[in-house]
C-alpha atoms as a PDB file:
ATOM      1  CA  MET A   1      44.377 182.510  89.328  1.00  0.00           C
ATOM      2  CA  LEU A   2      46.139 182.881  86.002  1.00  0.00           C
ATOM      3  CA  THR A   3      46.288 179.223  84.546  1.00  0.00           C
ATOM      4  CA  LYS A   4      49.284 178.198  82.199  1.00  0.00           C
ATOM      5  CA  THR A   5      46.933 178.225  79.087  1.00  0.00           C
ATOM      6  CA  LYS A   6      45.391 181.625  79.726  1.00  0.00           C
ATOM      7  CA  LYS A   7      48.909 182.876  80.194  1.00  0.00           C
ATOM      8  CA  GLN A   8      49.907 181.253  77.026  1.00  0.00           C
ATOM      9  CA  ARG A   9      46.919 182.575  75.095  1.00  0.00           C
ATOM     10  CA  ILE A  10      47.508 186.230  76.326  1.00  0.00           C
ATOM     11  CA  ILE A  11      51.172 185.947  75.227  1.00  0.00           C
ATOM     12  CA  LYS A  12      50.132 184.633  71.825  1.00  0.00           C
ATOM     13  CA  GLU A  13      47.718 187.757  71.378  1.00  0.00           C
ATOM     14  CA  THR A  14      50.257 190.396  72.155  1.00  0.00           C
ATOM     15  CA  ARG A  15      53.740 188.940  71.613  1.00  0.00           C
ATOM     16  CA  VAL A  16      55.938 191.095  68.992  1.00  0.00           C
ATOM     17  CA  HIS A  17      57.736 188.203  67.523  1.00  0.00           C
ATOM     18  CA  GLU A  18      57.505 184.317  67.494  1.00  0.00           C
ATOM     19  CA  THR A  19      59.631 183.541  70.485  1.00  0.00           C
ATOM     20  CA  ASP A  20      58.559 186.845  72.576  1.00  0.00           C
ATOM     21  CA  THR A  21      57.609 186.136  76.004  1.00  0.00           C
ATOM     22  CA  GLY A  22      59.213 189.099  78.041  1.00  0.00           C
ATOM     23  CA  SER A  23      58.478 192.094  75.983  1.00  0.00           C
ATOM     24  CA  PRO A  24      56.838 194.897  77.782  1.00  0.00           C
ATOM     25  CA  GLU A  25      53.739 194.710  76.075  1.00  0.00           C
ATOM     26  CA  VAL A  26      53.319 190.853  76.967  1.00  0.00           C
ATOM     27  CA  GLN A  27      54.241 191.740  80.386  1.00  0.00           C
ATOM     28  CA  ILE A  28      51.698 194.687  80.819  1.00  0.00           C
ATOM     29  CA  SER A  29      48.818 192.467  79.431  1.00  0.00           C
ATOM     30  CA  ILE A  30      49.597 189.507  81.794  1.00  0.00           C
ATOM     31  CA  ILE A  31      49.496 191.972  84.780  1.00  0.00           C
ATOM     32  CA  SER A  32      46.334 193.584  83.507  1.00  0.00           C
ATOM     33  CA  LYS A  33      44.881 190.214  83.441  1.00  0.00           C
ATOM     34  CA  ARG A  34      46.036 189.284  87.106  1.00  0.00           C
ATOM     35  CA  ILE A  35      44.401 192.722  88.037  1.00  0.00           C
ATOM     36  CA  ASP A  36      41.100 191.878  86.535  1.00  0.00           C
ATOM     37  CA  GLU A  37      40.925 188.672  88.232  1.00  0.00           C
ATOM     38  CA  LEU A  38      42.114 190.027  91.356  1.00  0.00           C
ATOM     39  CA  ALA A  39      39.568 192.914  91.338  1.00  0.00           C
ATOM     40  CA  LYS A  40      36.683 190.225  90.523  1.00  0.00           C
ATOM     41  CA  HIS A  41      38.065 188.353  93.772  1.00  0.00           C
ATOM     42  CA  LEU A  42      37.891 191.623  95.943  1.00  0.00           C
ATOM     43  CA  LYS A  43      34.152 192.221  95.054  1.00  0.00           C
ATOM     44  CA  LYS A  44      33.416 189.303  96.565  1.00  0.00           C
ATOM     45  CA  ASN A  45      35.634 189.199  99.183  1.00  0.00           C
ATOM     46  CA  LEU A  46      35.575 192.748 100.809  1.00  0.00           C
ATOM     47  CA  LYS A  47      37.727 191.970 103.879  1.00  0.00           C
ATOM     48  CA  ASP A  48      40.500 190.245 102.144  1.00  0.00           C
ATOM     49  CA  ASN A  49      43.163 192.857 102.853  1.00  0.00           C
ATOM     50  CA  HIS A  50      46.112 190.673 101.800  1.00  0.00           C
ATOM     51  CA  SER A  51      44.972 190.252  98.257  1.00  0.00           C
ATOM     52  CA  ARG A  52      44.163 194.058  98.031  1.00  0.00           C
ATOM     53  CA  ARG A  53      47.717 194.854  98.958  1.00  0.00           C
ATOM     54  CA  GLY A  54      48.846 192.331  96.112  1.00  0.00           C
ATOM     55  CA  LEU A  55      46.256 194.254  93.803  1.00  0.00           C
ATOM     56  CA  LEU A  56      47.920 197.601  94.666  1.00  0.00           C
ATOM     57  CA  GLN A  57      51.598 196.128  94.190  1.00  0.00           C
ATOM     58  CA  LEU A  58      50.487 194.861  90.738  1.00  0.00           C
ATOM     59  CA  VAL A  59      48.817 198.313  89.620  1.00  0.00           C
ATOM     60  CA  ALA A  60      52.240 199.647  90.713  1.00  0.00           C
ATOM     61  CA  ASP A  61      54.010 197.348  88.558  1.00  0.00           C
ATOM     62  CA  ARG A  62      51.999 197.657  85.553  1.00  0.00           C
ATOM     63  CA  GLN A  63      52.326 201.338  85.802  1.00  0.00           C
ATOM     64  CA  SER A  64      56.261 201.120  86.048  1.00  0.00           C
ATOM     65  CA  HIS A  65      56.133 199.014  82.859  1.00  0.00           C
ATOM     66  CA  LEU A  66      53.869 201.415  80.954  1.00  0.00           C
ATOM     67  CA  LYS A  67      56.374 204.314  82.224  1.00  0.00           C
ATOM     68  CA  TYR A  68      59.233 202.334  80.648  1.00  0.00           C
ATOM     69  CA  LEU A  69      57.530 201.576  77.542  1.00  0.00           C
ATOM     70  CA  GLN A  70      56.491 205.403  77.111  1.00  0.00           C
ATOM     71  CA  LYS A  71      59.890 206.227  77.582  1.00  0.00           C
ATOM     72  CA  LYS A  72      61.315 203.710  75.129  1.00  0.00           C
ATOM     73  CA  ASP A  73      58.911 204.085  72.366  1.00  0.00           C
ATOM     74  CA  ILE A  74      55.688 206.019  72.284  1.00  0.00           C
ATOM     75  CA  LYS A  75      53.939 204.454  69.475  1.00  0.00           C
ATOM     76  CA  ARG A  76      54.066 200.809  71.081  1.00  0.00           C
ATOM     77  CA  TYR A  77      52.836 202.420  74.433  1.00  0.00           C
ATOM     78  CA  GLN A  78      49.864 203.972  72.827  1.00  0.00           C
ATOM     79  CA  ALA A  79      49.106 200.667  71.054  1.00  0.00           C
ATOM     80  CA  VAL A  80      49.144 198.736  74.329  1.00  0.00           C
ATOM     81  CA  LEU A  81      46.739 201.227  75.810  1.00  0.00           C
ATOM     82  CA  LYS A  82      44.492 201.046  73.047  1.00  0.00           C
ATOM     83  CA  LYS A  83      44.554 197.257  72.941  1.00  0.00           C
ATOM     84  CA  LEU A  84      43.999 196.700  76.616  1.00  0.00           C
ATOM     85  CA  ASP A  85      41.833 199.993  76.968  1.00  0.00           C
ATOM     86  CA  LEU A  86      43.549 201.438  79.779  1.00  0.00           C
ATOM     87  CA  LYS A  87      43.243 205.054  80.766  1.00  0.00           C
ATOM     88  CA  ARG A  88      46.324 207.216  81.176  1.00  0.00           C
END
C-alpha cells in the first residue's frame, strides 16, 4: 500500500513546480508506484483476482494519462518515460 510519506516523496521527485500535486507527471509516477506494489503482491498471491482487476485498471489509467501527455507535450512525455523506465 502506498503510504502518505511514500506518496509525498514521489511527488517531491517528479513535481514540475513547488506546489505541484496533480500534473500528469506526478499522477503517472504515483500510478506506476502503485502498479509496482500490486505486481509484487500478485506474485505472492496468484489467486487474488480482485487485486488483478485493480491492477489492470491502474495500467489502463496510466496509459490514458500517458496518451494525454503525449498529445499535449511530447518532450515532457519522453522525459517521463525515461525517468520511470517505461516502454512505449
